[in-house]
Amino acid sequence: MSLLFDGVYESELDGVWSVKADLIHYILMRENLLPETVVMVGDRKHDIIRAKHHHITTIGVTYGYGTEQELQTHGADFIAHSPDEIANFIIYSS
């Protein structure tokens, strides 16, 4: 795929994987990942809630559609205000 990604996953136009918790479960199983080795980066509460459902560390980003308050309210472990900040949080959470 590329030097940085082994795969890209998203809900399909036909509705497959439209339930984010199911998509996350599928990715964990397909890629043989342990939740404690994964970080979810998301811009809305739905990303945080579904990742927390699977005990995944979360980074809420304020440069998307959600607000910092929304991300904090739903328990984001870290808040990033720019893409550059994400790497620091990933290193910190490892």
C-alpha atoms as a PDB file:
ATOM      1  CA  MET A   1       0.000   0.000   0.000  1.00  0.00           C
ATOM      2  CA  SER A   2       2.584   2.579   1.120  1.00  0.00           C
ATOM      3  CA  LEU A   3       5.477   3.100   3.484  1.00  0.00           C
ATOM      4  CA  LEU A   4       3.166   4.552   6.149  1.00  0.00           C
ATOM      5  CA  PHE A   5      -0.031   2.495   5.918  1.00  0.00           C
ATOM      6  CA  ASP A   6      -0.748  -1.204   5.666  1.00  0.00           C
ATOM      7  CA  GLY A   7      -4.391  -0.554   4.826  1.00  0.00           C
ATOM      8  CA  VAL A   8      -7.110   2.053   4.679  1.00  0.00           C
ATOM      9  CA  TYR A   9     -10.538   1.169   6.056  1.00  0.00           C
ATOM     10  CA  GLU A  10     -13.801   3.062   5.896  1.00  0.00           C
ATOM     11  CA  SER A  11     -17.504   2.432   5.605  1.00  0.00           C
ATOM     12  CA  GLU A  12     -18.519   1.393   2.119  1.00  0.00           C
ATOM     13  CA  LEU A  13     -21.102   3.110  -0.083  1.00  0.00           C
ATOM     14  CA  ASP A  14     -23.353   0.047   0.215  1.00  0.00           C
ATOM     15  CA  GLY A  15     -23.503   0.489   4.009  1.00  0.00           C
ATOM     16  CA  VAL A  16     -20.983  -2.198   4.937  1.00  0.00           C
ATOM     17  CA  TRP A  17     -19.066  -1.082   8.027  1.00  0.00           C
ATOM     18  CA  SER A  18     -21.339   1.930   8.571  1.00  0.00           C
ATOM     19  CA  VAL A  19     -21.422   1.061  12.291  1.00  0.00           C
ATOM     20  CA  LYS A  20     -18.052   2.376  13.463  1.00  0.00           C
ATOM     21  CA  ALA A  21     -17.733  -0.066  16.391  1.00  0.00           C
ATOM     22  CA  ASP A  22     -18.102  -2.964  13.936  1.00  0.00           C
ATOM     23  CA  LEU A  23     -15.521  -1.451  11.603  1.00  0.00           C
ATOM     24  CA  ILE A  24     -13.037  -1.027  14.448  1.00  0.00           C
ATOM     25  CA  HIS A  25     -13.607  -4.626  15.545  1.00  0.00           C
ATOM     26  CA  TYR A  26     -13.073  -5.818  11.965  1.00  0.00           C
ATOM     27  CA  ILE A  27      -9.804  -3.864  11.657  1.00  0.00           C
ATOM     28  CA  LEU A  28      -8.496  -5.206  14.971  1.00  0.00           C
ATOM     29  CA  MET A  29      -9.249  -8.774  13.867  1.00  0.00           C
ATOM     30  CA  ARG A  30      -8.113  -8.408  10.245  1.00  0.00           C
ATOM     31  CA  GLU A  31      -4.794  -6.795  11.155  1.00  0.00           C
ATOM     32  CA  ASN A  32      -4.332  -8.945  14.285  1.00  0.00           C
ATOM     33  CA  LEU A  33      -3.988  -5.862  16.501  1.00  0.00           C
ATOM     34  CA  LEU A  34      -4.282  -5.595  20.253  1.00  0.00           C
ATOM     35  CA  PRO A  35      -6.310  -2.574  21.421  1.00  0.00           C
ATOM     36  CA  GLU A  36      -3.489  -1.457  23.722  1.00  0.00           C
ATOM     37  CA  THR A  37      -1.187  -1.091  20.689  1.00  0.00           C
ATOM     38  CA  VAL A  38      -3.614   1.062  18.694  1.00  0.00           C
ATOM     39  CA  VAL A  39      -4.399   4.778  18.704  1.00  0.00           C
ATOM     40  CA  MET A  40      -7.610   6.194  17.213  1.00  0.00           C
ATOM     41  CA  VAL A  41      -7.382   9.702  15.796  1.00  0.00           C
ATOM     42  CA  GLY A  42     -10.802  11.257  15.367  1.00  0.00           C
ATOM     43  CA  ASP A  43     -12.566  14.586  15.078  1.00  0.00           C
ATOM     44  CA  ARG A  44     -16.025  13.696  16.453  1.00  0.00           C
ATOM     45  CA  LYS A  45     -17.498  12.176  19.570  1.00  0.00           C
ATOM     46  CA  HIS A  46     -18.477   9.057  17.622  1.00  0.00           C
ATOM     47  CA  ASP A  47     -14.803   8.296  16.967  1.00  0.00           C
ATOM     48  CA  ILE A  48     -13.955   8.641  20.653  1.00  0.00           C
ATOM     49  CA  ILE A  49     -16.956   6.640  21.896  1.00  0.00           C
ATOM     50  CA  ARG A  50     -16.397   3.730  19.510  1.00  0.00           C
ATOM     51  CA  ALA A  51     -12.659   3.541  20.157  1.00  0.00           C
ATOM     52  CA  LYS A  52     -13.264   3.615  23.930  1.00  0.00           C
ATOM     53  CA  HIS A  53     -15.732   0.745  23.438  1.00  0.00           C
ATOM     54  CA  HIS A  54     -12.705  -1.298  22.301  1.00  0.00           C
ATOM     55  CA  HIS A  55     -10.331   0.117  24.976  1.00  0.00           C
ATOM     56  CA  ILE A  56      -8.280   2.034  22.410  1.00  0.00           C
ATOM     57  CA  THR A  57      -6.323   5.187  23.278  1.00  0.00           C
ATOM     58  CA  THR A  58      -7.853   8.217  21.569  1.00  0.00           C
ATOM     59  CA  ILE A  59      -6.541  11.472  20.159  1.00  0.00           C
ATOM     60  CA  GLY A  60      -9.250  14.016  19.441  1.00  0.00           C
ATOM     61  CA  VAL A  61      -8.368  16.560  16.769  1.00  0.00           C
ATOM     62  CA  THR A  62      -9.838  20.062  16.785  1.00  0.00           C
ATOM     63  CA  TYR A  63      -9.113  20.800  13.132  1.00  0.00           C
ATOM     64  CA  GLY A  64     -11.967  18.575  11.914  1.00  0.00           C
ATOM     65  CA  TYR A  65     -15.727  18.829  12.355  1.00  0.00           C
ATOM     66  CA  GLY A  66     -15.990  18.444  16.139  1.00  0.00           C
ATOM     67  CA  THR A  67     -15.120  20.858  18.910  1.00  0.00           C
ATOM     68  CA  GLU A  68     -12.588  20.524  21.690  1.00  0.00           C
ATOM     69  CA  GLN A  69     -15.441  20.511  24.209  1.00  0.00           C
ATOM     70  CA  GLU A  70     -17.164  17.623  22.393  1.00  0.00           C
ATOM     71  CA  LEU A  71     -13.967  15.591  22.342  1.00  0.00           C
ATOM     72  CA  GLN A  72     -13.195  16.268  26.009  1.00  0.00           C
ATOM     73  CA  THR A  73     -16.763  15.514  27.080  1.00  0.00           C
ATOM     74  CA  HIS A  74     -16.554  12.077  25.477  1.00  0.00           C
ATOM     75  CA  GLY A  75     -13.200  11.220  27.024  1.00  0.00           C
ATOM     76  CA  ALA A  76     -10.496  11.793  24.427  1.00  0.00           C
ATOM     77  CA  ASP A  77      -7.182  10.853  26.029  1.00  0.00           C
ATOM     78  CA  PHE A  78      -5.366  13.629  24.190  1.00  0.00           C
ATOM     79  CA  ILE A  79      -6.403  16.694  22.181  1.00  0.00           C
ATOM     80  CA  ALA A  80      -4.389  17.758  19.121  1.00  0.00           C
ATOM     81  CA  HIS A  81      -4.807  21.178  17.562  1.00  0.00           C
ATOM     82  CA  SER A  82      -2.642  20.381  14.530  1.00  0.00           C
ATOM     83  CA  PRO A  83      -1.439  17.260  12.721  1.00  0.00           C
ATOM     84  CA  ASP A  84       2.083  17.895  14.039  1.00  0.00           C
ATOM     85  CA  GLU A  85       0.913  17.312  17.614  1.00  0.00           C
ATOM     86  CA  ILE A  86      -0.309  13.777  16.894  1.00  0.00           C
ATOM     87  CA  ALA A  87       3.190  12.256  16.730  1.00  0.00           C
ATOM     88  CA  ASN A  88       4.022  13.632  20.182  1.00  0.00           C
ATOM     89  CA  PHE A  89       0.929  12.006  21.683  1.00  0.00           C
ATOM     90  CA  ILE A  90       1.619   8.675  19.976  1.00  0.00           C
ATOM     91  CA  ILE A  91       5.138   8.632  21.400  1.00  0.00           C
ATOM     92  CA  TYR A  92       3.796   9.613  24.837  1.00  0.00           C
ATOM     93  CA  SER A  93       1.095   6.924  24.842  1.00  0.00           C
ATOM     94  CA  SER A  94       3.467   4.087  23.824  1.00  0.00           C
END
